[in-house]
Amino acid sequence: MLRDEQLSILRDISQSIAFADDRHGKIGELIADGYVMKDGDLFELTAKGVTAVEEHAALGATDAEQASVSSDRLI
């Protein structure tokens, strides 16, 4: 299971957002786990990384929908 910080890095890579050097060690872990690959100076998500980002986004949408339904019931 990926931690929030790891998912944040994956989302940044998927959106081609630059990130600070202090996160490069964490990227090494994601590369070793098969979520990211390095192409020259750039990082790219592997199919496994893309799937992880998409699944997390889908879970986040489900959580938001459930929170909305719960708050509607409280009124």
Protein backbone atom coordinates (compact mmCIF):
# COMPACT_ATOMS: atom_id res chain seq x y z
CA MET A 1 0.00 0.00 0.00
CA LEU A 2 1.36 3.38 -0.97
CA ARG A 3 1.64 6.20 1.54
CA ASP A 4 0.10 9.61 0.83
CA GLU A 5 3.54 11.11 0.20
CA GLN A 6 4.32 8.44 -2.39
CA LEU A 7 0.98 9.02 -4.13
CA SER A 8 1.69 12.73 -4.15
CA ILE A 9 5.01 12.08 -5.91
CA LEU A 10 3.29 9.82 -8.46
CA ARG A 11 0.67 12.50 -9.17
CA ASP A 12 3.39 15.13 -9.60
CA ILE A 13 5.25 12.91 -12.05
CA SER A 14 2.06 12.16 -13.99
CA GLN A 15 1.41 15.91 -14.31
CA SER A 16 5.06 16.66 -15.18
CA ILE A 17 5.48 18.83 -12.09
CA ALA A 18 9.05 19.42 -10.95
CA PHE A 19 9.83 18.57 -7.37
CA ALA A 20 12.58 19.29 -4.85
CA ASP A 21 15.77 17.28 -4.64
CA ASP A 22 14.86 15.98 -1.18
CA ARG A 23 12.18 13.80 -2.80
CA HIS A 24 14.63 11.99 -5.08
CA GLY A 25 15.39 9.35 -2.44
CA LYS A 26 11.71 8.56 -2.21
CA ILE A 27 11.55 8.29 -5.99
CA GLY A 28 14.27 5.65 -5.78
CA GLU A 29 11.91 3.56 -3.66
CA LEU A 30 9.13 4.00 -6.22
CA ILE A 31 11.50 2.99 -9.01
CA ALA A 32 12.54 -0.12 -7.07
CA ASP A 33 8.87 -0.99 -6.48
CA GLY A 34 8.08 -0.64 -10.20
CA TYR A 35 5.89 2.50 -10.08
CA VAL A 36 8.33 4.88 -11.79
CA MET A 37 11.06 4.61 -14.43
CA LYS A 38 13.78 7.07 -15.29
CA ASP A 39 14.17 8.20 -18.89
CA GLY A 40 17.30 10.33 -19.08
CA ASP A 41 16.72 13.24 -16.69
CA LEU A 42 12.97 12.67 -16.60
CA PHE A 43 10.83 10.39 -14.52
CA GLU A 44 7.82 8.60 -15.99
CA LEU A 45 5.12 6.46 -14.45
CA THR A 46 5.03 2.81 -15.38
CA ALA A 47 1.71 1.09 -16.03
CA LYS A 48 1.72 0.11 -12.34
CA GLY A 49 2.22 3.77 -11.35
CA VAL A 50 -0.59 4.96 -13.61
CA THR A 51 -2.92 2.35 -12.16
CA ALA A 52 -2.04 3.39 -8.60
CA VAL A 53 -2.80 7.06 -9.33
CA GLU A 54 -6.08 6.20 -11.08
CA GLU A 55 -7.22 3.87 -8.30
CA HIS A 56 -6.43 6.45 -5.63
CA ALA A 57 -8.35 9.11 -7.55
CA ALA A 58 -11.33 6.77 -7.85
CA LEU A 59 -11.22 5.99 -4.13
CA GLY A 60 -11.00 9.70 -3.32
CA ALA A 61 -14.08 10.40 -5.43
CA THR A 62 -15.97 7.64 -3.65
CA ASP A 63 -14.95 9.02 -0.23
CA ALA A 64 -16.09 12.52 -1.24
CA GLU A 65 -19.44 11.20 -2.46
CA GLN A 66 -19.97 9.29 0.78
CA ALA A 67 -19.10 12.37 2.85
CA SER A 68 -21.59 14.42 0.85
CA VAL A 69 -24.34 11.85 1.39
CA SER A 70 -23.53 11.65 5.11
CA SER A 71 -23.63 15.43 5.55
CA ASP A 72 -26.95 15.59 3.70
CA ARG A 73 -28.43 13.12 6.16
CA LEU A 74 -27.38 15.23 9.13
CA ILE A 75 -29.50 18.18 8.06
